[in-house]
PDB file of N, CA and C in Angstrom:
ATOM      1  N   MET A   1     102.719 150.951  75.307  1.00  0.00           N
ATOM      2  CA  MET A   1     101.355 151.427  75.384  1.00  0.00           C
ATOM      3  C   MET A   1     100.456 150.356  74.672  1.00  0.00           C
ATOM      4  N   PHE A   2      99.322 150.060  75.273  1.00  0.00           N
ATOM      5  CA  PHE A   2      98.383 149.143  74.657  1.00  0.00           C
ATOM      6  C   PHE A   2      97.329 149.797  73.789  1.00  0.00           C
ATOM      7  N   PRO A   3      96.957 149.121  72.766  1.00  0.00           N
ATOM      8  CA  PRO A   3      95.837 149.706  71.959  1.00  0.00           C
ATOM      9  C   PRO A   3      94.570 149.673  72.707  1.00  0.00           C
ATOM     10  N   PRO A   4      93.641 150.580  72.552  1.00  0.00           N
ATOM     11  CA  PRO A   4      92.329 150.574  73.194  1.00  0.00           C
ATOM     12  C   PRO A   4      91.557 149.209  72.869  1.00  0.00           C
ATOM     13  N   ARG A   5      90.683 148.873  73.819  1.00  0.00           N
ATOM     14  CA  ARG A   5      89.977 147.623  73.652  1.00  0.00           C
ATOM     15  C   ARG A   5      88.886 147.830  72.614  1.00  0.00           C
ATOM     16  N   LYS A   6      88.597 146.720  71.830  1.00  0.00           N
ATOM     17  CA  LYS A   6      87.591 146.795  70.856  1.00  0.00           C
ATOM     18  C   LYS A   6      86.215 146.593  71.611  1.00  0.00           C
ATOM     19  N   PRO A   7      85.208 147.224  71.239  1.00  0.00           N
ATOM     20  CA  PRO A   7      83.914 147.037  71.796  1.00  0.00           C
ATOM     21  C   PRO A   7      83.382 145.592  71.692  1.00  0.00           C
ATOM     22  N   ARG A   8      82.874 145.162  72.716  1.00  0.00           N
ATOM     23  CA  ARG A   8      82.271 143.713  72.689  1.00  0.00           C
ATOM     24  C   ARG A   8      80.983 143.731  72.011  1.00  0.00           C
ATOM     25  N   LYS A   9      80.726 142.582  71.302  1.00  0.00           N
ATOM     26  CA  LYS A   9      79.480 142.355  70.747  1.00  0.00           C
ATOM     27  C   LYS A   9      78.467 141.804  71.797  1.00  0.00           C
ATOM     28  N   SER A  10      77.277 142.529  71.933  1.00  0.00           N
ATOM     29  CA  SER A  10      76.390 142.171  72.954  1.00  0.00           C
ATOM     30  C   SER A  10      75.359 141.169  72.407  1.00  0.00           C
ATOM     31  N   SER A  11      74.748 140.519  73.257  1.00  0.00           N
ATOM     32  CA  SER A  11      73.683 139.512  72.812  1.00  0.00           C
ATOM     33  C   SER A  11      72.415 140.226  72.407  1.00  0.00           C
ATOM     34  N   ARG A  12      72.271 141.437  72.831  1.00  0.00           N
ATOM     35  CA  ARG A  12      71.097 142.240  72.615  1.00  0.00           C
ATOM     36  C   ARG A  12      71.133 142.641  71.053  1.00  0.00           C
ATOM     37  N   GLN A  13      70.059 143.129  70.668  1.00  0.00           N
ATOM     38  CA  GLN A  13      70.007 143.746  69.365  1.00  0.00           C
ATOM     39  C   GLN A  13      70.798 145.095  69.369  1.00  0.00           C
ATOM     40  N   SER A  14      71.336 145.465  68.179  1.00  0.00           N
ATOM     41  CA  SER A  14      72.115 146.675  68.186  1.00  0.00           C
ATOM     42  C   SER A  14      71.425 147.910  68.491  1.00  0.00           C
ATOM     43  N   GLY A  15      70.064 147.932  68.369  1.00  0.00           N
ATOM     44  CA  GLY A  15      69.297 149.124  68.644  1.00  0.00           C
ATOM     45  C   GLY A  15      69.110 149.442  70.158  1.00  0.00           C
ATOM     46  N   THR A  16      69.113 148.371  70.938  1.00  0.00           N
ATOM     47  CA  THR A  16      68.910 148.559  72.358  1.00  0.00           C
ATOM     48  C   THR A  16      70.206 148.492  73.120  1.00  0.00           C
ATOM     49  N   ALA A  17      71.346 148.265  72.481  1.00  0.00           N
ATOM     50  CA  ALA A  17      72.585 148.105  73.213  1.00  0.00           C
ATOM     51  C   ALA A  17      72.987 149.384  73.935  1.00  0.00           C
ATOM     52  N   GLY A  18      72.713 150.563  73.422  1.00  0.00           N
ATOM     53  CA  GLY A  18      73.128 151.823  74.097  1.00  0.00           C
ATOM     54  C   GLY A  18      72.155 152.368  75.045  1.00  0.00           C
ATOM     55  N   ARG A  19      70.953 151.740  75.205  1.00  0.00           N
ATOM     56  CA  ARG A  19      69.926 152.306  76.074  1.00  0.00           C
ATOM     57  C   ARG A  19      70.050 151.726  77.469  1.00  0.00           C
ATOM     58  N   LEU A  20      69.600 152.414  78.422  1.00  0.00           N
ATOM     59  CA  LEU A  20      69.557 151.961  79.784  1.00  0.00           C
ATOM     60  C   LEU A  20      68.230 151.213  80.042  1.00  0.00           C
ATOM     61  N   SER A  21      68.216 150.266  80.934  1.00  0.00           N
ATOM     62  CA  SER A  21      67.037 149.564  81.298  1.00  0.00           C
ATOM     63  C   SER A  21      66.046 150.517  82.029  1.00  0.00           C
ATOM     64  N   PRO A  22      64.760 150.413  81.855  1.00  0.00           N
ATOM     65  CA  PRO A  22      63.789 151.274  82.618  1.00  0.00           C
ATOM     66  C   PRO A  22      63.863 150.927  84.115  1.00  0.00           C
ATOM     67  N   ALA A  23      63.756 152.031  84.904  1.00  0.00           N
ATOM     68  CA  ALA A  23      63.708 151.864  86.423  1.00  0.00           C
ATOM     69  C   ALA A  23      62.293 151.366  86.745  1.00  0.00           C
ATOM     70  N   LEU A  24      62.275 150.569  87.816  1.00  0.00           N
ATOM     71  CA  LEU A  24      60.957 150.051  88.307  1.00  0.00           C
ATOM     72  C   LEU A  24      60.391 151.061  89.230  1.00  0.00           C
ATOM     73  N   ILE A  25      59.187 151.371  89.171  1.00  0.00           N
ATOM     74  CA  ILE A  25      58.536 152.366  90.147  1.00  0.00           C
ATOM     75  C   ILE A  25      57.509 151.654  90.991  1.00  0.00           C
ATOM     76  N   LYS A  26      57.666 151.764  92.220  1.00  0.00           N
ATOM     77  CA  LYS A  26      56.670 151.073  93.121  1.00  0.00           C
ATOM     78  C   LYS A  26      55.471 152.016  93.271  1.00  0.00           C
ATOM     79  N   GLU A  27      54.304 151.506  93.113  1.00  0.00           N
ATOM     80  CA  GLU A  27      53.083 152.313  93.128  1.00  0.00           C
ATOM     81  C   GLU A  27      52.738 152.849  94.497  1.00  0.00           C
ATOM     82  N   ASN A  28      53.045 152.085  95.549  1.00  0.00           N
ATOM     83  CA  ASN A  28      52.639 152.420  96.888  1.00  0.00           C
ATOM     84  C   ASN A  28      53.915 152.867  97.673  1.00  0.00           C
ATOM     85  N   ALA A  29      54.918 153.399  97.050  1.00  0.00           N
ATOM     86  CA  ALA A  29      56.132 153.723  97.679  1.00  0.00           C
ATOM     87  C   ALA A  29      55.923 155.179  98.295  1.00  0.00           C
ATOM     88  N   GLU A  30      55.871 155.262  99.523  1.00  0.00           N
ATOM     89  CA  GLU A  30      55.822 156.602 100.221  1.00  0.00           C
ATOM     90  C   GLU A  30      56.977 156.602 101.295  1.00  0.00           C
ATOM     91  N   LEU A  31      57.608 157.672 101.491  1.00  0.00           N
ATOM     92  CA  LEU A  31      58.610 157.777 102.562  1.00  0.00           C
ATOM     93  C   LEU A  31      57.877 157.956 103.871  1.00  0.00           C
ATOM     94  N   SER A  32      58.279 157.060 104.771  1.00  0.00           N
ATOM     95  CA  SER A  32      57.707 157.190 106.158  1.00  0.00           C
ATOM     96  C   SER A  32      58.412 158.260 106.942  1.00  0.00           C
ATOM     97  N   SER A  33      57.732 158.922 107.848  1.00  0.00           N
ATOM     98  CA  SER A  33      58.242 159.913 108.535  1.00  0.00           C
ATOM     99  C   SER A  33      59.520 159.477 109.518  1.00  0.00           C
ATOM    100  N   GLU A  34      59.320 158.237 109.907  1.00  0.00           N
ATOM    101  CA  GLU A  34      60.433 157.731 110.799  1.00  0.00           C
ATOM    102  C   GLU A  34      61.757 157.679 110.040  1.00  0.00           C
ATOM    103  N   GLU A  35      61.793 157.197 108.787  1.00  0.00           N
ATOM    104  CA  GLU A  35      62.996 157.083 108.082  1.00  0.00           C
ATOM    105  C   GLU A  35      63.532 158.488 107.769  1.00  0.00           C
ATOM    106  N   ASP A  36      62.755 159.489 107.508  1.00  0.00           N
ATOM    107  CA  ASP A  36      63.178 160.835 107.251  1.00  0.00           C
ATOM    108  C   ASP A  36      63.719 161.418 108.544  1.00  0.00           C
ATOM    109  N   ASP A  37      63.041 161.275 109.720  1.00  0.00           N
ATOM    110  CA  ASP A  37      63.482 161.719 110.925  1.00  0.00           C
ATOM    111  C   ASP A  37      64.882 161.146 111.381  1.00  0.00           C
ATOM    112  N   SER A  38      64.978 159.836 111.194  1.00  0.00           N
ATOM    113  CA  SER A  38      66.169 159.225 111.600  1.00  0.00           C
ATOM    114  C   SER A  38      67.456 159.666 110.938  1.00  0.00           C
ATOM    115  N   SER A  39      67.243 159.904 109.594  1.00  0.00           N
ATOM    116  CA  SER A  39      68.385 160.193 108.823  1.00  0.00           C
ATOM    117  C   SER A  39      68.720 161.783 109.175  1.00  0.00           C
ATOM    118  N   SER A  40      67.753 162.570 109.373  1.00  0.00           N
ATOM    119  CA  SER A  40      67.989 164.034 109.778  1.00  0.00           C
ATOM    120  C   SER A  40      68.616 164.067 111.154  1.00  0.00           C
ATOM    121  N   LEU A  41      68.099 163.286 112.015  1.00  0.00           N
ATOM    122  CA  LEU A  41      68.668 163.258 113.444  1.00  0.00           C
ATOM    123  C   LEU A  41      70.120 162.771 113.375  1.00  0.00           C
ATOM    124  N   ARG A  42      70.392 161.794 112.529  1.00  0.00           N
ATOM    125  CA  ARG A  42      71.751 161.271 112.328  1.00  0.00           C
ATOM    126  C   ARG A  42      72.658 162.447 111.833  1.00  0.00           C
ATOM    127  N   HIS A  43      72.152 163.140 110.859  1.00  0.00           N
ATOM    128  CA  HIS A  43      72.934 164.272 110.292  1.00  0.00           C
ATOM    129  C   HIS A  43      73.219 165.361 111.361  1.00  0.00           C
ATOM    130  N   VAL A  44      72.220 165.610 112.118  1.00  0.00           N
ATOM    131  CA  VAL A  44      72.377 166.629 113.242  1.00  0.00           C
ATOM    132  C   VAL A  44      73.450 166.162 114.226  1.00  0.00           C
ATOM    133  N   VAL A  45      73.376 164.923 114.700  1.00  0.00           N
ATOM    134  CA  VAL A  45      74.348 164.384 115.617  1.00  0.00           C
ATOM    135  C   VAL A  45      75.790 164.460 115.033  1.00  0.00           C
ATOM    136  N   ILE A  46      75.916 163.992 113.765  1.00  0.00           N
ATOM    137  CA  ILE A  46      77.196 164.076 113.083  1.00  0.00           C
ATOM    138  C   ILE A  46      77.741 165.462 112.953  1.00  0.00           C
ATOM    139  N   ALA A  47      76.845 166.424 112.568  1.00  0.00           N
ATOM    140  CA  ALA A  47      77.249 167.819 112.472  1.00  0.00           C
ATOM    141  C   ALA A  47      77.720 168.399 113.769  1.00  0.00           C
ATOM    142  N   ILE A  48      77.003 168.086 114.830  1.00  0.00           N
ATOM    143  CA  ILE A  48      77.371 168.576 116.165  1.00  0.00           C
ATOM    144  C   ILE A  48      78.740 167.976 116.551  1.00  0.00           C
ATOM    145  N   GLY A  49      78.909 166.656 116.317  1.00  0.00           N
ATOM    146  CA  GLY A  49      80.053 166.024 116.731  1.00  0.00           C
ATOM    147  C   GLY A  49      81.295 166.635 115.950  1.00  0.00           C
ATOM    148  N   LEU A  50      81.120 166.835 114.623  1.00  0.00           N
ATOM    149  CA  LEU A  50      82.241 167.450 113.890  1.00  0.00           C
ATOM    150  C   LEU A  50      82.517 168.861 114.285  1.00  0.00           C
ATOM    151  N   GLY A  51      81.466 169.588 114.615  1.00  0.00           N
ATOM    152  CA  GLY A  51      81.772 170.929 115.113  1.00  0.00           C
ATOM    153  C   GLY A  51      82.466 171.002 116.437  1.00  0.00           C
ATOM    154  N   VAL A  52      82.156 170.099 117.360  1.00  0.00           N
ATOM    155  CA  VAL A  52      82.833 170.123 118.596  1.00  0.00           C
ATOM    156  C   VAL A  52      84.270 169.564 118.387  1.00  0.00           C
ATOM    157  N   PHE A  53      84.459 168.684 117.597  1.00  0.00           N
ATOM    158  CA  PHE A  53      85.834 168.154 117.294  1.00  0.00           C
ATOM    159  C   PHE A  53      86.780 169.316 116.702  1.00  0.00           C
ATOM    160  N   PHE A  54      86.240 169.940 115.699  1.00  0.00           N
ATOM    161  CA  PHE A  54      87.035 170.988 115.079  1.00  0.00           C
ATOM    162  C   PHE A  54      87.154 172.276 116.050  1.00  0.00           C
ATOM    163  N   SER A  55      86.258 172.544 116.779  1.00  0.00           N
ATOM    164  CA  SER A  55      86.407 173.676 117.650  1.00  0.00           C
ATOM    165  C   SER A  55      87.362 173.354 118.851  1.00  0.00           C
ATOM    166  N   LEU A  56      87.536 172.082 119.208  1.00  0.00           N
ATOM    167  CA  LEU A  56      88.394 171.761 120.353  1.00  0.00           C
ATOM    168  C   LEU A  56      89.773 171.266 119.779  1.00  0.00           C
ATOM    169  N   THR A  57      89.990 171.129 118.559  1.00  0.00           N
ATOM    170  CA  THR A  57      91.223 170.646 118.101  1.00  0.00           C
ATOM    171  C   THR A  57      92.402 171.606 118.454  1.00  0.00           C
ATOM    172  N   PRO A  58      92.310 172.941 118.301  1.00  0.00           N
ATOM    173  CA  PRO A  58      93.415 173.761 118.647  1.00  0.00           C
ATOM    174  C   PRO A  58      93.816 173.691 120.159  1.00  0.00           C
ATOM    175  N   HIS A  59      92.739 173.518 120.987  1.00  0.00           N
ATOM    176  CA  HIS A  59      93.064 173.454 122.430  1.00  0.00           C
ATOM    177  C   HIS A  59      93.648 171.973 122.763  1.00  0.00           C
ATOM    178  N   LEU A  60      93.236 170.986 122.096  1.00  0.00           N
ATOM    179  CA  LEU A  60      93.798 169.689 122.253  1.00  0.00           C
ATOM    180  C   LEU A  60      95.247 169.631 121.794  1.00  0.00           C
ATOM    181  N   LEU A  61      95.576 170.320 120.709  1.00  0.00           N
ATOM    182  CA  LEU A  61      96.964 170.360 120.208  1.00  0.00           C
ATOM    183  C   LEU A  61      97.831 171.138 121.116  1.00  0.00           C
ATOM    184  N   GLN A  62      97.301 172.197 121.730  1.00  0.00           N
ATOM    185  CA  GLN A  62      98.136 173.010 122.709  1.00  0.00           C
ATOM    186  C   GLN A  62      98.409 172.103 123.952  1.00  0.00           C
ATOM    187  N   ALA A  63      97.402 171.490 124.413  1.00  0.00           N
ATOM    188  CA  ALA A  63      97.566 170.503 125.579  1.00  0.00           C
ATOM    189  C   ALA A  63      98.552 169.486 125.268  1.00  0.00           C
ATOM    190  N   TYR A  64      98.533 168.898 124.020  1.00  0.00           N
ATOM    191  CA  TYR A  64      99.576 167.927 123.637  1.00  0.00           C
ATOM    192  C   TYR A  64     100.926 168.446 123.644  1.00  0.00           C
ATOM    193  N   ASP A  65     101.031 169.623 123.104  1.00  0.00           N
ATOM    194  CA  ASP A  65     102.455 170.273 123.030  1.00  0.00           C
ATOM    195  C   ASP A  65     102.915 170.566 124.582  1.00  0.00           C
ATOM    196  N   ALA A  66     102.070 171.033 125.388  1.00  0.00           N
ATOM    197  CA  ALA A  66     102.492 171.262 126.695  1.00  0.00           C
ATOM    198  C   ALA A  66     102.837 170.081 127.473  1.00  0.00           C
ATOM    199  N   ILE A  67     102.151 168.979 127.316  1.00  0.00           N
ATOM    200  CA  ILE A  67     102.448 167.765 128.010  1.00  0.00           C
ATOM    201  C   ILE A  67     103.757 167.196 127.415  1.00  0.00           C
ATOM    202  N   ASN A  68     103.943 167.271 126.089  1.00  0.00           N
ATOM    203  CA  ASN A  68     105.133 166.776 125.444  1.00  0.00           C
ATOM    204  C   ASN A  68     106.402 167.549 125.994  1.00  0.00           C
ATOM    205  N   GLU A  69     106.205 168.881 126.064  1.00  0.00           N
ATOM    206  CA  GLU A  69     107.343 169.754 126.514  1.00  0.00           C
ATOM    207  C   GLU A  69     107.675 169.426 127.999  1.00  0.00           C
ATOM    208  N   PHE A  70     106.626 169.203 128.826  1.00  0.00           N
ATOM    209  CA  PHE A  70     106.831 168.895 130.250  1.00  0.00           C
ATOM    210  C   PHE A  70     107.597 167.517 130.369  1.00  0.00           C
ATOM    211  N   VAL A  71     107.204 166.511 129.579  1.00  0.00           N
ATOM    212  CA  VAL A  71     107.805 165.263 129.621  1.00  0.00           C
ATOM    213  C   VAL A  71     109.234 165.364 129.134  1.00  0.00           C
ATOM    214  N   ASN A  72     109.556 166.143 128.121  1.00  0.00           N
ATOM    215  CA  ASN A  72     110.922 166.267 127.594  1.00  0.00           C
ATOM    216  C   ASN A  72     111.766 167.041 128.655  1.00  0.00           C
ATOM    217  N   ARG A  73     111.220 167.981 129.356  1.00  0.00           N
ATOM    218  CA  ARG A  73     111.975 168.691 130.405  1.00  0.00           C
ATOM    219  C   ARG A  73     112.381 167.714 131.541  1.00  0.00           C
ATOM    220  N   ARG A  74     111.389 166.942 131.947  1.00  0.00           N
ATOM    221  CA  ARG A  74     111.711 165.919 133.055  1.00  0.00           C
ATOM    222  C   ARG A  74     112.782 164.866 132.558  1.00  0.00           C
ATOM    223  N   ARG A  75     112.691 164.464 131.303  1.00  0.00           N
ATOM    224  CA  ARG A  75     113.687 163.540 130.765  1.00  0.00           C
ATOM    225  C   ARG A  75     115.082 164.164 130.673  1.00  0.00           C
ATOM    226  N   SER A  76     115.115 165.365 130.302  1.00  0.00           N
ATOM    227  CA  SER A  76     116.447 166.143 130.196  1.00  0.00           C
ATOM    228  C   SER A  76     117.034 166.281 131.552  1.00  0.00           C
ATOM    229  N   ARG A  77     116.218 166.597 132.568  1.00  0.00           N
ATOM    230  CA  ARG A  77     116.731 166.815 133.897  1.00  0.00           C
ATOM    231  C   ARG A  77     117.246 165.472 134.457  1.00  0.00           C
ATOM    232  N   ARG A  78     116.425 164.349 134.205  1.00  0.00           N
ATOM    233  CA  ARG A  78     116.850 163.020 134.715  1.00  0.00           C
ATOM    234  C   ARG A  78     118.127 162.617 134.018  1.00  0.00           C
ATOM    235  N   ASN A  79     118.235 162.879 132.693  1.00  0.00           N
ATOM    236  CA  ASN A  79     119.444 162.475 132.006  1.00  0.00           C
ATOM    237  C   ASN A  79     120.646 163.286 132.382  1.00  0.00           C
ATOM    238  N   ALA A  80     120.430 164.559 132.704  1.00  0.00           N
ATOM    239  CA  ALA A  80     121.480 165.506 133.124  1.00  0.00           C
ATOM    240  C   ALA A  80     121.990 165.080 134.518  1.00  0.00           C
ATOM    241  N   SER A  81     121.042 164.732 135.418  1.00  0.00           N
ATOM    242  CA  SER A  81     121.442 164.325 136.751  1.00  0.00           C
ATOM    243  C   SER A  81     122.119 162.894 136.689  1.00  0.00           C
ATOM    244  N   ALA A  82     121.629 162.072 135.832  1.00  0.00           N
ATOM    245  CA  ALA A  82     122.288 160.748 135.754  1.00  0.00           C
ATOM    246  C   ALA A  82     123.659 160.918 135.153  1.00  0.00           C
ATOM    247  N   THR A  83     123.891 161.765 134.160  1.00  0.00           N
ATOM    248  CA  THR A  83     125.173 161.917 133.584  1.00  0.00           C
ATOM    249  C   THR A  83     126.153 162.645 134.553  1.00  0.00           C
ATOM    250  N   HIS A  84     125.659 163.544 135.406  1.00  0.00           N
ATOM    251  CA  HIS A  84     126.402 164.255 136.268  1.00  0.00           C
ATOM    252  C   HIS A  84     126.800 163.278 137.396  1.00  0.00           C
ATOM    253  N   HIS A  85     125.901 162.420 137.818  1.00  0.00           N
ATOM    254  CA  HIS A  85     126.173 161.429 138.794  1.00  0.00           C
ATOM    255  C   HIS A  85     127.278 160.396 138.320  1.00  0.00           C
ATOM    256  N   SER A  86     127.169 159.969 137.157  1.00  0.00           N
ATOM    257  CA  SER A  86     128.090 159.024 136.609  1.00  0.00           C
ATOM    258  C   SER A  86     129.456 159.672 136.448  1.00  0.00           C
ATOM    259  N   LEU A  87     129.515 160.867 136.056  1.00  0.00           N
ATOM    260  CA  LEU A  87     130.771 161.561 135.963  1.00  0.00           C
ATOM    261  C   LEU A  87     131.507 161.733 137.329  1.00  0.00           C
ATOM    262  N   ASP A  88     130.655 161.958 138.397  1.00  0.00           N
ATOM    263  CA  ASP A  88     131.163 162.127 139.736  1.00  0.00           C
ATOM    264  C   ASP A  88     131.749 160.785 140.212  1.00  0.00           C
ATOM    265  N   GLN A  89     131.028 159.726 139.835  1.00  0.00           N
ATOM    266  CA  GLN A  89     131.471 158.296 140.273  1.00  0.00           C
ATOM    267  C   GLN A  89     132.840 158.063 139.526  1.00  0.00           C
ATOM    268  N   HIS A  90     132.788 158.397 138.224  1.00  0.00           N
ATOM    269  CA  HIS A  90     134.004 158.137 137.399  1.00  0.00           C
ATOM    270  C   HIS A  90     135.176 158.923 138.005  1.00  0.00           C
ATOM    271  N   ALA A  91     134.993 160.211 138.391  1.00  0.00           N
ATOM    272  CA  ALA A  91     136.092 161.072 138.922  1.00  0.00           C
ATOM    273  C   ALA A  91     136.517 160.499 140.252  1.00  0.00           C
ATOM    274  N   ASP A  92     135.662 159.959 141.091  1.00  0.00           N
ATOM    275  CA  ASP A  92     135.977 159.363 142.347  1.00  0.00           C
ATOM    276  C   ASP A  92     136.801 158.104 142.092  1.00  0.00           C
ATOM    277  N   GLU A  93     136.400 157.246 141.052  1.00  0.00           N
ATOM    278  CA  GLU A  93     137.159 156.081 140.793  1.00  0.00           C
ATOM    279  C   GLU A  93     138.558 156.399 140.258  1.00  0.00           C
ATOM    280  N   VAL A  94     138.716 157.434 139.492  1.00  0.00           N
ATOM    281  CA  VAL A  94     139.966 157.854 138.966  1.00  0.00           C
ATOM    282  C   VAL A  94     140.841 158.287 140.060  1.00  0.00           C
ATOM    283  N   SER A  95     140.281 159.099 140.927  1.00  0.00           N
ATOM    284  CA  SER A  95     141.034 159.620 142.087  1.00  0.00           C
ATOM    285  C   SER A  95     141.474 158.465 143.059  1.00  0.00           C
ATOM    286  N   ASP A  96     140.610 157.496 143.165  1.00  0.00           N
ATOM    287  CA  ASP A  96     140.946 156.288 144.076  1.00  0.00           C
ATOM    288  C   ASP A  96     142.114 155.523 143.431  1.00  0.00           C
ATOM    289  N   VAL A  97     142.104 155.362 142.171  1.00  0.00           N
ATOM    290  CA  VAL A  97     143.148 154.601 141.499  1.00  0.00           C
ATOM    291  C   VAL A  97     144.460 155.347 141.594  1.00  0.00           C
ATOM    292  N   GLU A  98     144.382 156.740 141.443  1.00  0.00           N
ATOM    293  CA  GLU A  98     145.595 157.506 141.524  1.00  0.00           C
ATOM    294  C   GLU A  98     146.173 157.522 142.872  1.00  0.00           C
ATOM    295  N   THR A  99     145.281 157.520 143.952  1.00  0.00           N
ATOM    296  CA  THR A  99     145.841 157.459 145.356  1.00  0.00           C
ATOM    297  C   THR A  99     146.113 156.083 145.828  1.00  0.00           C
ATOM    298  N   GLY A 100     145.664 155.070 145.177  1.00  0.00           N
ATOM    299  CA  GLY A 100     145.885 153.719 145.453  1.00  0.00           C
ATOM    300  C   GLY A 100     144.909 153.155 146.478  1.00  0.00           C
ATOM    301  N   GLN A 101     143.777 153.755 146.709  1.00  0.00           N
ATOM    302  CA  GLN A 101     142.715 153.187 147.605  1.00  0.00           C
ATOM    303  C   GLN A 101     141.935 152.208 147.006  1.00  0.00           C
ATOM    304  N   ASP A 102     141.519 151.205 147.801  1.00  0.00           N
ATOM    305  CA  ASP A 102     140.734 150.117 147.338  1.00  0.00           C
ATOM    306  C   ASP A 102     139.155 150.562 147.308  1.00  0.00           C
ATOM    307  N   LYS A 103     138.461 150.104 146.233  1.00  0.00           N
ATOM    308  CA  LYS A 103     137.035 150.437 146.104  1.00  0.00           C
ATOM    309  C   LYS A 103     136.194 149.837 147.204  1.00  0.00           C
ATOM    310  N   ASN A 104     136.559 148.666 147.693  1.00  0.00           N
ATOM    311  CA  ASN A 104     135.708 147.968 148.681  1.00  0.00           C
ATOM    312  C   ASN A 104     135.877 148.570 150.060  1.00  0.00           C
ATOM    313  N   ARG A 105     136.848 149.458 150.301  1.00  0.00           N
ATOM    314  CA  ARG A 105     136.988 149.967 151.597  1.00  0.00           C
ATOM    315  C   ARG A 105     136.118 151.207 151.878  1.00  0.00           C
ATOM    316  N   ARG A 106     135.429 151.649 150.890  1.00  0.00           N
ATOM    317  CA  ARG A 106     134.434 152.738 151.035  1.00  0.00           C
ATOM    318  C   ARG A 106     133.384 152.456 151.965  1.00  0.00           C
TER     319      ARG A 106
END
């Protein structure tokens, strides 16, 4: 564990070291209506976009699950038929070897 840092000595006087500097105030500073409208329009667009996103999320997740299940079913059918086909070929080869038939005469 390290000991805490010692406070640094500032170049300012000790009386003003703890105070914040005053903020500058512009005398002719007025908010224009365009700046106010653009930020509120931006907030409205973002709020609508988020609302649409969160309201559609369950439906999008259901669609994703359905597509994923469909693809997995197709893959399992394809793998099952490929496995079945290769077992049939293997059985034919074994029976050909047992009977002494040549593969090239098929």
